[in-house]
Each structure stands twice: as C-alpha cells, then as structure tokens.
C-alpha cells in the first residue's frame, strides 16, 4: 500500500513539474510576442542615403533611356515595368496622397515621390 501511494505521489509531482514547464513556455512565448519593435533606446540611428538610392532607381530603370533593360527590371522586381506603372496609376486614382512625401519621427523626408 505504501508503494502505491509513493507512486501516486511521484506521478502527482511529475504532473506538477510538467505543468510548471508548460507555464514557463507560455510565459516565454508571450514575452517574445510583446517584445518592442522599432528603435532601441540608447542605440545610435544609422543614417542611410535614401534619397540618393531613389535617384539611382530612377536613372537605372525609369528614365526614357534607362541603364538597365526590361530583363534586369523583371529580375529585380519580379514583374514587368508596365505592370508596376499600371499599379502606380491605379493607386494614384484610388488614393492620390499615397505617393506624397512624408516625414518620419525625426522630421526627415522619407517617402520617395515617383513623379
């Protein structure tokens, strides 16, 4: 009789341990989900030449005589240039302010205006 009560007690302890481990996993999962996104406090912000990159895109692909042809455009953007221009036109008709230049939290212009 004592052996069955010991087995019962050890089974209860194992269930308690398994339950505690399960709770720990859930807590860790919630902490990961609540992790803060965006800038990290105290970390320096790296300034990148975004406007310069936009100019390069324009000269490389969108001028009357672009540097790279349709094959390179399709390989880089995974669509034909005509499709992208149709999407742009539809967006401008639906929501004209979509391509307006906006400022970020540091009051820098961030959105490239495709023209």
PDB file of N, CA and C in Angstrom:
ATOM      1  N   UNK A   1       0.801  -1.182   0.000  1.00  0.00           N
ATOM      2  CA  UNK A   1       0.000   0.000   0.000  1.00  0.00           C
ATOM      3  C   UNK A   1       0.857   1.264   0.000  1.00  0.00           C
ATOM      4  N   UNK A   2       1.930   1.230   0.698  1.00  0.00           N
ATOM      5  CA  UNK A   2       2.804   2.392   0.743  1.00  0.00           C
ATOM      6  C   UNK A   2       3.458   2.626  -0.619  1.00  0.00           C
ATOM      7  N   UNK A   3       3.742   1.546  -1.352  1.00  0.00           N
ATOM      8  CA  UNK A   3       4.365   1.717  -2.666  1.00  0.00           C
ATOM      9  C   UNK A   3       3.402   2.370  -3.657  1.00  0.00           C
ATOM     10  N   UNK A   4       2.107   2.046  -3.561  1.00  0.00           N
ATOM     11  CA  UNK A   4       1.142   2.663  -4.478  1.00  0.00           C
ATOM     12  C   UNK A   4       0.954   4.147  -4.153  1.00  0.00           C
ATOM     13  N   UNK A   5       0.987   4.500  -2.862  1.00  0.00           N
ATOM     14  CA  UNK A   5       0.859   5.915  -2.506  1.00  0.00           C
ATOM     15  C   UNK A   5       2.109   6.688  -2.921  1.00  0.00           C
ATOM     16  N   UNK A   6       3.282   6.034  -2.842  1.00  0.00           N
ATOM     17  CA  UNK A   6       4.513   6.676  -3.306  1.00  0.00           C
ATOM     18  C   UNK A   6       4.469   6.882  -4.818  1.00  0.00           C
ATOM     19  N   UNK A   7       3.954   5.882  -5.540  1.00  0.00           N
ATOM     20  CA  UNK A   7       3.829   6.001  -6.996  1.00  0.00           C
ATOM     21  C   UNK A   7       2.858   7.124  -7.360  1.00  0.00           C
ATOM     22  N   UNK A   8       1.776   7.191  -6.593  1.00  0.00           N
ATOM     23  CA  UNK A   8       0.781   8.234  -6.819  1.00  0.00           C
ATOM     24  C   UNK A   8       1.381   9.617  -6.562  1.00  0.00           C
ATOM     25  N   UNK A   9       2.170   9.710  -5.496  1.00  0.00           N
ATOM     26  CA  UNK A   9       2.801  10.980  -5.143  1.00  0.00           C
ATOM     27  C   UNK A   9       3.818  11.381  -6.213  1.00  0.00           C
ATOM     28  N   UNK A  10       4.623  10.421  -6.685  1.00  0.00           N
ATOM     29  CA  UNK A  10       5.612  10.746  -7.716  1.00  0.00           C
ATOM     30  C   UNK A  10       4.922  11.111  -9.033  1.00  0.00           C
ATOM     31  N   UNK A  11       3.792  10.466  -9.330  1.00  0.00           N
ATOM     32  CA  UNK A  11       3.034  10.816 -10.535  1.00  0.00           C
ATOM     33  C   UNK A  11       2.485  12.239 -10.414  1.00  0.00           C
ATOM     34  N   UNK A  12       2.001  12.588  -9.232  1.00  0.00           N
ATOM     35  CA  UNK A  12       1.500  13.947  -8.999  1.00  0.00           C
ATOM     36  C   UNK A  12       2.618  14.982  -9.130  1.00  0.00           C
ATOM     37  N   UNK A  13       3.805  14.627  -8.612  1.00  0.00           N
ATOM     38  CA  UNK A  13       4.949  15.536  -8.720  1.00  0.00           C
ATOM     39  C   UNK A  13       5.345  15.730 -10.184  1.00  0.00           C
ATOM     40  N   UNK A  14       5.336  14.629 -10.952  1.00  0.00           N
ATOM     41  CA  UNK A  14       5.674  14.727 -12.376  1.00  0.00           C
ATOM     42  C   UNK A  14       4.662  15.603 -13.120  1.00  0.00           C
ATOM     43  N   UNK A  15       3.389  15.452 -12.787  1.00  0.00           N
ATOM     44  CA  UNK A  15       2.353  16.286 -13.404  1.00  0.00           C
ATOM     45  C   UNK A  15       2.559  17.754 -13.046  1.00  0.00           C
ATOM     46  N   UNK A  16       2.922  18.020 -11.800  1.00  0.00           N
ATOM     47  CA  UNK A  16       3.158  19.400 -11.364  1.00  0.00           C
ATOM     48  C   UNK A  16       4.356  19.995 -12.102  1.00  0.00           C
ATOM     49  N   UNK A  17       5.410  19.204 -12.257  1.00  0.00           N
ATOM     50  CA  UNK A  17       6.605  19.672 -12.975  1.00  0.00           C
ATOM     51  C   UNK A  17       6.265  19.940 -14.436  1.00  0.00           C
ATOM     52  N   UNK A  18       5.519  19.011 -15.052  1.00  0.00           N
ATOM     53  CA  UNK A  18       5.129  19.192 -16.455  1.00  0.00           C
ATOM     54  C   UNK A  18       4.261  20.445 -16.615  1.00  0.00           C
ATOM     55  N   UNK A  19       3.355  20.670 -15.678  1.00  0.00           N
ATOM     56  CA  UNK A  19       2.508  21.865 -15.722  1.00  0.00           C
ATOM     57  C   UNK A  19       3.317  23.137 -15.577  1.00  0.00           C
ATOM     58  N   UNK A  20       4.296  23.114 -14.670  1.00  0.00           N
ATOM     59  CA  UNK A  20       5.148  24.286 -14.465  1.00  0.00           C
ATOM     60  C   UNK A  20       5.975  24.575 -15.720  1.00  0.00           C
ATOM     61  N   UNK A  21       6.509  23.530 -16.350  1.00  0.00           N
ATOM     62  CA  UNK A  21       7.276  23.720 -17.587  1.00  0.00           C
ATOM     63  C   UNK A  21       6.397  24.299 -18.694  1.00  0.00           C
ATOM     64  N   UNK A  22       5.170  23.797 -18.766  1.00  0.00           N
ATOM     65  CA  UNK A  22       4.235  24.309 -19.769  1.00  0.00           C
ATOM     66  C   UNK A  22       3.949  25.797 -19.533  1.00  0.00           C
ATOM     67  N   UNK A  23       3.746  26.177 -18.280  1.00  0.00           N
ATOM     68  CA  UNK A  23       3.512  27.589 -17.962  1.00  0.00           C
ATOM     69  C   UNK A  23       4.719  28.457 -18.310  1.00  0.00           C
ATOM     70  N   UNK A  24       5.923  27.944 -18.031  1.00  0.00           N
ATOM     71  CA  UNK A  24       7.131  28.696 -18.377  1.00  0.00           C
ATOM     72  C   UNK A  24       7.226  28.921 -19.880  1.00  0.00           C
ATOM     73  N   UNK A  25       6.913  27.877 -20.657  1.00  0.00           N
ATOM     74  CA  UNK A  25       6.936  28.025 -22.116  1.00  0.00           C
ATOM     75  C   UNK A  25       5.935  29.083 -22.572  1.00  0.00           C
ATOM     76  N   UNK A  26       4.736  29.064 -21.989  1.00  0.00           N
ATOM     77  CA  UNK A  26       3.721  30.059 -22.358  1.00  0.00           C
ATOM     78  C   UNK A  26       4.167  31.476 -22.010  1.00  0.00           C
ATOM     79  N   UNK A  27       4.781  31.635 -20.853  1.00  0.00           N
ATOM     80  CA  UNK A  27       5.258  32.959 -20.431  1.00  0.00           C
ATOM     81  C   UNK A  27       6.335  33.462 -21.386  1.00  0.00           C
ATOM     82  N   UNK A  28       7.287  32.580 -21.750  1.00  0.00           N
ATOM     83  CA  UNK A  28       8.343  32.978 -22.686  1.00  0.00           C
ATOM     84  C   UNK A  28       7.760  33.352 -24.041  1.00  0.00           C
ATOM     85  N   UNK A  29       6.767  32.592 -24.477  1.00  0.00           N
ATOM     86  CA  UNK A  29       6.134  32.870 -25.764  1.00  0.00           C
ATOM     87  C   UNK A  29       5.450  34.238 -25.746  1.00  0.00           C
ATOM     88  N   UNK A  30       4.768  34.565 -24.658  1.00  0.00           N
ATOM     89  CA  UNK A  30       4.104  35.870 -24.542  1.00  0.00           C
ATOM     90  C   UNK A  30       5.119  37.004 -24.491  1.00  0.00           C
ATOM     91  N   UNK A  31       6.235  36.782 -23.791  1.00  0.00           N
ATOM     92  CA  UNK A  31       7.263  37.821 -23.719  1.00  0.00           C
ATOM     93  C   UNK A  31       7.832  38.099 -25.105  1.00  0.00           C
ATOM     94  N   UNK A  32       8.049  37.027 -25.890  1.00  0.00           N
ATOM     95  CA  UNK A  32       8.551  37.217 -27.244  1.00  0.00           C
ATOM     96  C   UNK A  32       7.550  37.984 -28.092  1.00  0.00           C
ATOM     97  N   UNK A  33       6.279  37.699 -27.916  1.00  0.00           N
ATOM     98  CA  UNK A  33       5.242  38.375 -28.698  1.00  0.00           C
ATOM     99  C   UNK A  33       5.127  39.847 -28.311  1.00  0.00           C
ATOM    100  N   UNK A  34       5.386  40.191 -27.057  1.00  0.00           N
ATOM    101  CA  UNK A  34       5.265  41.571 -26.584  1.00  0.00           C
ATOM    102  C   UNK A  34       6.536  42.370 -26.784  1.00  0.00           C
ATOM    103  N   UNK A  35       7.568  41.756 -27.322  1.00  0.00           N
ATOM    104  CA  UNK A  35       8.822  42.461 -27.494  1.00  0.00           C
ATOM    105  C   UNK A  35       8.623  43.734 -28.296  1.00  0.00           C
ATOM    106  N   UNK A  36       9.297  44.760 -27.882  1.00  0.00           N
ATOM    107  CA  UNK A  36       9.159  46.067 -28.505  1.00  0.00           C
ATOM    108  C   UNK A  36       9.753  46.048 -29.907  1.00  0.00           C
ATOM    109  N   UNK A  37       9.060  46.638 -30.831  1.00  0.00           N
ATOM    110  CA  UNK A  37       9.552  46.751 -32.202  1.00  0.00           C
ATOM    111  C   UNK A  37      10.017  48.181 -32.439  1.00  0.00           C
ATOM    112  N   UNK A  38      10.887  48.362 -33.418  1.00  0.00           N
ATOM    113  CA  UNK A  38      11.319  49.709 -33.767  1.00  0.00           C
ATOM    114  C   UNK A  38      12.672  50.041 -33.178  1.00  0.00           C
ATOM    115  N   UNK A  39      12.904  51.309 -32.965  1.00  0.00           N
ATOM    116  CA  UNK A  39      14.193  51.781 -32.473  1.00  0.00           C
ATOM    117  C   UNK A  39      14.464  51.270 -31.069  1.00  0.00           C
ATOM    118  N   UNK A  40      15.710  50.989 -30.811  1.00  0.00           N
ATOM    119  CA  UNK A  40      16.127  50.534 -29.490  1.00  0.00           C
ATOM    120  C   UNK A  40      16.676  51.738 -28.738  1.00  0.00           C
ATOM    121  N   UNK A  41      16.199  51.939 -27.532  1.00  0.00           N
ATOM    122  CA  UNK A  41      16.623  53.075 -26.726  1.00  0.00           C
ATOM    123  C   UNK A  41      18.125  52.983 -26.476  1.00  0.00           C
ATOM    124  N   UNK A  42      18.836  54.085 -26.709  1.00  0.00           N
ATOM    125  CA  UNK A  42      20.268  54.127 -26.464  1.00  0.00           C
ATOM    126  C   UNK A  42      21.114  53.694 -27.651  1.00  0.00           C
ATOM    127  N   UNK A  43      20.502  53.131 -28.669  1.00  0.00           N
ATOM    128  CA  UNK A  43      21.260  52.688 -29.835  1.00  0.00           C
ATOM    129  C   UNK A  43      21.262  53.801 -30.876  1.00  0.00           C
ATOM    130  N   UNK A  44      22.426  54.025 -31.485  1.00  0.00           N
ATOM    131  CA  UNK A  44      22.565  55.103 -32.449  1.00  0.00           C
ATOM    132  C   UNK A  44      21.829  54.751 -33.740  1.00  0.00           C
ATOM    133  N   UNK A  45      21.162  55.731 -34.312  1.00  0.00           N
ATOM    134  CA  UNK A  45      20.444  55.550 -35.563  1.00  0.00           C
ATOM    135  C   UNK A  45      21.417  55.709 -36.721  1.00  0.00           C
ATOM    136  N   UNK A  46      21.386  54.786 -37.667  1.00  0.00           N
ATOM    137  CA  UNK A  46      22.265  54.848 -38.820  1.00  0.00           C
ATOM    138  C   UNK A  46      21.560  55.593 -39.943  1.00  0.00           C
ATOM    139  N   UNK A  47      22.159  56.678 -40.375  1.00  0.00           N
ATOM    140  CA  UNK A  47      21.584  57.446 -41.475  1.00  0.00           C
ATOM    141  C   UNK A  47      22.005  56.808 -42.793  1.00  0.00           C
ATOM    142  N   UNK A  48      21.030  56.578 -43.657  1.00  0.00           N
ATOM    143  CA  UNK A  48      21.307  55.979 -44.954  1.00  0.00           C
ATOM    144  C   UNK A  48      20.861  56.951 -46.046  1.00  0.00           C
ATOM    145  N   UNK A  49      21.547  56.945 -47.163  1.00  0.00           N
ATOM    146  CA  UNK A  49      21.203  57.885 -48.246  1.00  0.00           C
ATOM    147  C   UNK A  49      19.983  57.410 -49.040  1.00  0.00           C
ATOM    148  N   UNK A  50      18.807  57.515 -48.448  1.00  0.00           N
ATOM    149  CA  UNK A  50      17.589  57.003 -49.069  1.00  0.00           C
ATOM    150  C   UNK A  50      17.251  57.791 -50.332  1.00  0.00           C
ATOM    151  N   UNK A  51      17.351  59.106 -50.271  1.00  0.00           N
ATOM    152  CA  UNK A  51      17.025  59.927 -51.440  1.00  0.00           C
ATOM    153  C   UNK A  51      17.979  59.625 -52.592  1.00  0.00           C
ATOM    154  N   UNK A  52      19.237  59.383 -52.262  1.00  0.00           N
ATOM    155  CA  UNK A  52      20.217  59.047 -53.289  1.00  0.00           C
ATOM    156  C   UNK A  52      19.865  57.712 -53.950  1.00  0.00           C
ATOM    157  N   UNK A  53      19.430  56.758 -53.142  1.00  0.00           N
ATOM    158  CA  UNK A  53      19.013  55.463 -53.687  1.00  0.00           C
ATOM    159  C   UNK A  53      17.811  55.595 -54.603  1.00  0.00           C
ATOM    160  N   UNK A  54      16.887  56.484 -54.250  1.00  0.00           N
ATOM    161  CA  UNK A  54      15.713  56.712 -55.091  1.00  0.00           C
ATOM    162  C   UNK A  54      16.131  57.304 -56.437  1.00  0.00           C
ATOM    163  N   UNK A  55      17.106  58.200 -56.417  1.00  0.00           N
ATOM    164  CA  UNK A  55      17.600  58.777 -57.674  1.00  0.00           C
ATOM    165  C   UNK A  55      18.254  57.705 -58.536  1.00  0.00           C
ATOM    166  N   UNK A  56      19.005  56.800 -57.892  1.00  0.00           N
ATOM    167  CA  UNK A  56      19.635  55.710 -58.643  1.00  0.00           C
ATOM    168  C   UNK A  56      18.583  54.813 -59.282  1.00  0.00           C
ATOM    169  N   UNK A  57      17.526  54.509 -58.549  1.00  0.00           N
ATOM    170  CA  UNK A  57      16.445  53.696 -59.118  1.00  0.00           C
ATOM    171  C   UNK A  57      15.859  54.371 -60.349  1.00  0.00           C
ATOM    172  N   UNK A  58      15.648  55.667 -60.242  1.00  0.00           N
ATOM    173  CA  UNK A  58      15.064  56.394 -61.364  1.00  0.00           C
ATOM    174  C   UNK A  58      15.983  56.359 -62.579  1.00  0.00           C
ATOM    175  N   UNK A  59      17.273  56.628 -62.374  1.00  0.00           N
ATOM    176  CA  UNK A  59      18.194  56.626 -63.515  1.00  0.00           C
ATOM    177  C   UNK A  59      18.425  55.217 -64.051  1.00  0.00           C
ATOM    178  N   UNK A  60      18.416  54.221 -63.180  1.00  0.00           N
ATOM    179  CA  UNK A  60      18.676  52.850 -63.617  1.00  0.00           C
ATOM    180  C   UNK A  60      17.509  52.239 -64.382  1.00  0.00           C
ATOM    181  N   UNK A  61      16.269  52.570 -63.995  1.00  0.00           N
ATOM    182  CA  UNK A  61      15.127  51.849 -64.552  1.00  0.00           C
ATOM    183  C   UNK A  61      14.023  52.712 -65.155  1.00  0.00           C
ATOM    184  N   UNK A  62      13.860  53.973 -64.751  1.00  0.00           N
ATOM    185  CA  UNK A  62      12.661  54.715 -65.117  1.00  0.00           C
ATOM    186  C   UNK A  62      12.883  55.898 -66.051  1.00  0.00           C
ATOM    187  N   UNK A  63      14.075  56.146 -66.515  1.00  0.00           N
ATOM    188  CA  UNK A  63      14.298  57.234 -67.463  1.00  0.00           C
ATOM    189  C   UNK A  63      13.848  56.802 -68.856  1.00  0.00           C
ATOM    190  N   UNK A  64      13.842  57.780 -69.790  1.00  0.00           N
ATOM    191  CA  UNK A  64      13.482  57.444 -71.172  1.00  0.00           C
ATOM    192  C   UNK A  64      14.460  56.442 -71.775  1.00  0.00           C
ATOM    193  N   UNK A  65      15.729  56.584 -71.442  1.00  0.00           N
ATOM    194  CA  UNK A  65      16.727  55.596 -71.883  1.00  0.00           C
ATOM    195  C   UNK A  65      17.408  55.039 -70.625  1.00  0.00           C
ATOM    196  N   UNK A  66      16.792  54.031 -69.987  1.00  0.00           N
ATOM    197  CA  UNK A  66      17.334  53.516 -68.722  1.00  0.00           C
ATOM    198  C   UNK A  66      18.655  52.772 -68.921  1.00  0.00           C
ATOM    199  N   UNK A  67      19.425  52.702 -67.846  1.00  0.00           N
ATOM    200  CA  UNK A  67      20.702  51.996 -67.880  1.00  0.00           C
ATOM    201  C   UNK A  67      20.472  50.499 -68.044  1.00  0.00           C
ATOM    202  N   UNK A  68      19.493  49.964 -67.311  1.00  0.00           N
ATOM    203  CA  UNK A  68      19.187  48.536 -67.364  1.00  0.00           C
ATOM    204  C   UNK A  68      17.896  48.314 -68.134  1.00  0.00           C
ATOM    205  N   UNK A  69      17.873  47.261 -68.919  1.00  0.00           N
ATOM    206  CA  UNK A  69      16.716  46.956 -69.749  1.00  0.00           C
ATOM    207  C   UNK A  69      15.622  46.209 -69.007  1.00  0.00           C
ATOM    208  N   UNK A  70      14.578  45.795 -69.752  1.00  0.00           N
ATOM    209  CA  UNK A  70      13.419  45.122 -69.152  1.00  0.00           C
ATOM    210  C   UNK A  70      13.771  43.805 -68.456  1.00  0.00           C
ATOM    211  N   UNK A  71      14.778  43.100 -68.978  1.00  0.00           N
ATOM    212  CA  UNK A  71      15.167  41.825 -68.363  1.00  0.00           C
ATOM    213  C   UNK A  71      15.653  42.042 -66.926  1.00  0.00           C
ATOM    214  N   UNK A  72      16.484  43.058 -66.733  1.00  0.00           N
ATOM    215  CA  UNK A  72      17.001  43.345 -65.391  1.00  0.00           C
ATOM    216  C   UNK A  72      15.900  43.864 -64.469  1.00  0.00           C
ATOM    217  N   UNK A  73      14.982  44.656 -65.031  1.00  0.00           N
ATOM    218  CA  UNK A  73      13.862  45.154 -64.227  1.00  0.00           C
ATOM    219  C   UNK A  73      13.031  43.986 -63.711  1.00  0.00           C
ATOM    220  N   UNK A  74      12.696  43.067 -64.612  1.00  0.00           N
ATOM    221  CA  UNK A  74      11.878  41.912 -64.227  1.00  0.00           C
ATOM    222  C   UNK A  74      12.603  41.044 -63.204  1.00  0.00           C
ATOM    223  N   UNK A  75      13.916  40.890 -63.383  1.00  0.00           N
ATOM    224  CA  UNK A  75      14.677  40.066 -62.445  1.00  0.00           C
ATOM    225  C   UNK A  75      14.737  40.708 -61.059  1.00  0.00           C
ATOM    226  N   UNK A  76      14.844  42.019 -60.998  1.00  0.00           N
ATOM    227  CA  UNK A  76      14.955  42.702 -59.708  1.00  0.00           C
ATOM    228  C   UNK A  76      13.611  42.840 -58.998  1.00  0.00           C
ATOM    229  N   UNK A  77      12.558  43.197 -59.740  1.00  0.00           N
ATOM    230  CA  UNK A  77      11.270  43.490 -59.113  1.00  0.00           C
ATOM    231  C   UNK A  77      10.240  42.377 -59.296  1.00  0.00           C
ATOM    232  N   UNK A  78      10.585  41.344 -60.047  1.00  0.00           N
ATOM    233  CA  UNK A  78       9.721  40.182 -60.292  1.00  0.00           C
ATOM    234  C   UNK A  78       8.384  40.557 -60.918  1.00  0.00           C
ATOM    235  N   UNK A  79       8.414  41.567 -61.748  1.00  0.00           N
ATOM    236  CA  UNK A  79       7.235  41.957 -62.530  1.00  0.00           C
ATOM    237  C   UNK A  79       7.721  42.827 -63.679  1.00  0.00           C
ATOM    238  N   UNK A  80       6.881  42.943 -64.693  1.00  0.00           N
ATOM    239  CA  UNK A  80       7.231  43.815 -65.810  1.00  0.00           C
ATOM    240  C   UNK A  80       7.039  45.271 -65.396  1.00  0.00           C
ATOM    241  N   UNK A  81       7.803  46.134 -66.039  1.00  0.00           N
ATOM    242  CA  UNK A  81       7.733  47.560 -65.734  1.00  0.00           C
ATOM    243  C   UNK A  81       6.326  48.098 -66.008  1.00  0.00           C
ATOM    244  N   UNK A  82       5.696  47.614 -67.070  1.00  0.00           N
ATOM    245  CA  UNK A  82       4.347  48.064 -67.423  1.00  0.00           C
ATOM    246  C   UNK A  82       3.356  47.753 -66.304  1.00  0.00           C
ATOM    247  N   UNK A  83       3.502  46.580 -65.678  1.00  0.00           N
ATOM    248  CA  UNK A  83       2.610  46.212 -64.578  1.00  0.00           C
ATOM    249  C   UNK A  83       2.798  47.159 -63.396  1.00  0.00           C
ATOM    250  N   UNK A  84       4.045  47.458 -63.060  1.00  0.00           N
ATOM    251  CA  UNK A  84       4.311  48.380 -61.955  1.00  0.00           C
ATOM    252  C   UNK A  84       3.710  49.758 -62.241  1.00  0.00           C
ATOM    253  N   UNK A  85       3.844  50.217 -63.473  1.00  0.00           N
ATOM    254  CA  UNK A  85       3.290  51.523 -63.825  1.00  0.00           C
ATOM    255  C   UNK A  85       1.757  51.504 -63.794  1.00  0.00           C
ATOM    256  N   UNK A  86       1.143  50.378 -64.160  1.00  0.00           N
ATOM    257  CA  UNK A  86      -0.318  50.256 -64.054  1.00  0.00           C
ATOM    258  C   UNK A  86      -0.761  50.294 -62.594  1.00  0.00           C
ATOM    259  N   UNK A  87      -0.005  49.622 -61.727  1.00  0.00           N
ATOM    260  CA  UNK A  87      -0.317  49.637 -60.289  1.00  0.00           C
ATOM    261  C   UNK A  87      -0.202  51.060 -59.750  1.00  0.00           C
ATOM    262  N   UNK A  88       0.868  51.753 -60.145  1.00  0.00           N
ATOM    263  CA  UNK A  88       1.057  53.141 -59.701  1.00  0.00           C
ATOM    264  C   UNK A  88      -0.110  54.017 -60.150  1.00  0.00           C
ATOM    265  N   UNK A  89      -0.519  53.868 -61.401  1.00  0.00           N
ATOM    266  CA  UNK A  89      -1.627  54.669 -61.938  1.00  0.00           C
ATOM    267  C   UNK A  89      -2.923  54.383 -61.180  1.00  0.00           C
ATOM    268  N   UNK A  90      -3.185  53.103 -60.901  1.00  0.00           N
ATOM    269  CA  UNK A  90      -4.397  52.732 -60.166  1.00  0.00           C
ATOM    270  C   UNK A  90      -4.369  53.301 -58.746  1.00  0.00           C
ATOM    271  N   UNK A  91      -3.204  53.253 -58.100  1.00  0.00           N
ATOM    272  CA  UNK A  91      -3.085  53.817 -56.751  1.00  0.00           C
ATOM    273  C   UNK A  91      -3.311  55.323 -56.756  1.00  0.00           C
ATOM    274  N   UNK A  92      -2.774  55.988 -57.761  1.00  0.00           N
ATOM    275  CA  UNK A  92      -2.959  57.440 -57.847  1.00  0.00           C
ATOM    276  C   UNK A  92      -4.421  57.806 -58.062  1.00  0.00           C
ATOM    277  N   UNK A  93      -5.155  56.971 -58.797  1.00  0.00           N
ATOM    278  CA  UNK A  93      -6.580  57.234 -58.994  1.00  0.00           C
ATOM    279  C   UNK A  93      -7.367  56.944 -57.724  1.00  0.00           C
ATOM    280  N   UNK A  94      -6.982  55.881 -57.026  1.00  0.00           N
ATOM    281  CA  UNK A  94      -7.713  55.470 -55.828  1.00  0.00           C
ATOM    282  C   UNK A  94      -7.402  56.363 -54.631  1.00  0.00           C
ATOM    283  N   UNK A  95      -6.101  56.635 -54.434  1.00  0.00           N
ATOM    284  CA  UNK A  95      -5.666  57.392 -53.258  1.00  0.00           C
ATOM    285  C   UNK A  95      -4.504  58.307 -53.669  1.00  0.00           C
ATOM    286  N   UNK A  96      -4.796  59.499 -54.165  1.00  0.00           N
ATOM    287  CA  UNK A  96      -3.747  60.385 -54.695  1.00  0.00           C
ATOM    288  C   UNK A  96      -2.653  60.734 -53.683  1.00  0.00           C
ATOM    289  N   UNK A  97      -2.987  60.802 -52.407  1.00  0.00           N
ATOM    290  CA  UNK A  97      -1.981  61.183 -51.399  1.00  0.00           C
ATOM    291  C   UNK A  97      -1.012  60.048 -51.071  1.00  0.00           C
ATOM    292  N   UNK A  98      -1.188  58.872 -51.670  1.00  0.00           N
ATOM    293  CA  UNK A  98      -0.341  57.725 -51.353  1.00  0.00           C
ATOM    294  C   UNK A  98       1.131  58.021 -51.635  1.00  0.00           C
ATOM    295  N   UNK A  99       1.418  58.742 -52.702  1.00  0.00           N
ATOM    296  CA  UNK A  99       2.805  58.997 -53.078  1.00  0.00           C
ATOM    297  C   UNK A  99       3.320  60.349 -52.594  1.00  0.00           C
ATOM    298  N   UNK A 100       2.577  61.024 -51.749  1.00  0.00           N
ATOM    299  CA  UNK A 100       3.063  62.285 -51.206  1.00  0.00           C
ATOM    300  C   UNK A 100       4.221  62.030 -50.255  1.00  0.00           C
ATOM    301  N   UNK A 101       5.156  62.953 -50.253  1.00  0.00           N
ATOM    302  CA  UNK A 101       6.308  62.799 -49.384  1.00  0.00           C
ATOM    303  C   UNK A 101       5.899  63.058 -47.942  1.00  0.00           C
ATOM    304  N   UNK A 102       6.334  62.192 -47.050  1.00  0.00           N
ATOM    305  CA  UNK A 102       6.008  62.327 -45.627  1.00  0.00           C
ATOM    306  C   UNK A 102       7.296  62.438 -44.820  1.00  0.00           C
ATOM    307  N   UNK A 103       7.127  62.854 -43.601  1.00  0.00           N
ATOM    308  CA  UNK A 103       8.284  62.954 -42.700  1.00  0.00           C
ATOM    309  C   UNK A 103       8.203  61.848 -41.664  1.00  0.00           C
ATOM    310  N   UNK A 104       9.379  61.380 -41.251  1.00  0.00           N
ATOM    311  CA  UNK A 104       9.411  60.358 -40.211  1.00  0.00           C
ATOM    312  C   UNK A 104       9.436  61.031 -38.839  1.00  0.00           C
ATOM    313  N   UNK A 105       9.672  60.254 -37.798  1.00  0.00           N
ATOM    314  CA  UNK A 105       9.641  60.797 -36.434  1.00  0.00           C
ATOM    315  C   UNK A 105      10.755  61.809 -36.185  1.00  0.00           C
ATOM    316  N   UNK A 106      11.801  61.804 -37.002  1.00  0.00           N
ATOM    317  CA  UNK A 106      12.899  62.768 -36.845  1.00  0.00           C
ATOM    318  C   UNK A 106      12.738  63.945 -37.812  1.00  0.00           C
ATOM    319  N   UNK A 107      11.577  64.053 -38.439  1.00  0.00           N
ATOM    320  CA  UNK A 107      11.232  65.115 -39.370  1.00  0.00           C
ATOM    321  C   UNK A 107      12.128  65.131 -40.602  1.00  0.00           C
ATOM    322  N   UNK A 108      12.470  63.937 -41.074  1.00  0.00           N
ATOM    323  CA  UNK A 108      13.198  63.821 -42.338  1.00  0.00           C
ATOM    324  C   UNK A 108      12.220  63.312 -43.387  1.00  0.00           C
ATOM    325  N   UNK A 109      12.385  63.758 -44.615  1.00  0.00           N
ATOM    326  CA  UNK A 109      11.538  63.251 -45.692  1.00  0.00           C
ATOM    327  C   UNK A 109      11.901  61.793 -45.946  1.00  0.00           C
ATOM    328  N   UNK A 110      10.894  60.921 -45.984  1.00  0.00           N
ATOM    329  CA  UNK A 110      11.174  59.502 -46.113  1.00  0.00           C
ATOM    330  C   UNK A 110      10.597  58.868 -47.368  1.00  0.00           C
ATOM    331  N   UNK A 111       9.459  59.296 -47.816  1.00  0.00           N
ATOM    332  CA  UNK A 111       8.825  58.604 -48.929  1.00  0.00           C
ATOM    333  C   UNK A 111       9.306  59.191 -50.250  1.00  0.00           C
ATOM    334  N   UNK A 112       9.679  58.309 -51.148  1.00  0.00           N
ATOM    335  CA  UNK A 112      10.131  58.721 -52.469  1.00  0.00           C
ATOM    336  C   UNK A 112       8.922  59.029 -53.334  1.00  0.00           C
ATOM    337  N   UNK A 113       8.930  60.163 -53.966  1.00  0.00           N
ATOM    338  CA  UNK A 113       7.837  60.545 -54.848  1.00  0.00           C
ATOM    339  C   UNK A 113       8.204  60.138 -56.270  1.00  0.00           C
ATOM    340  N   UNK A 114       7.520  59.129 -56.849  1.00  0.00           N
ATOM    341  CA  UNK A 114       7.918  58.637 -58.159  1.00  0.00           C
ATOM    342  C   UNK A 114       7.636  59.604 -59.300  1.00  0.00           C
ATOM    343  N   UNK A 115       6.973  60.682 -59.038  1.00  0.00           N
ATOM    344  CA  UNK A 115       6.768  61.665 -60.086  1.00  0.00           C
ATOM    345  C   UNK A 115       5.377  61.664 -60.491  1.00  0.00           C
TER     346      UNK A 115
END
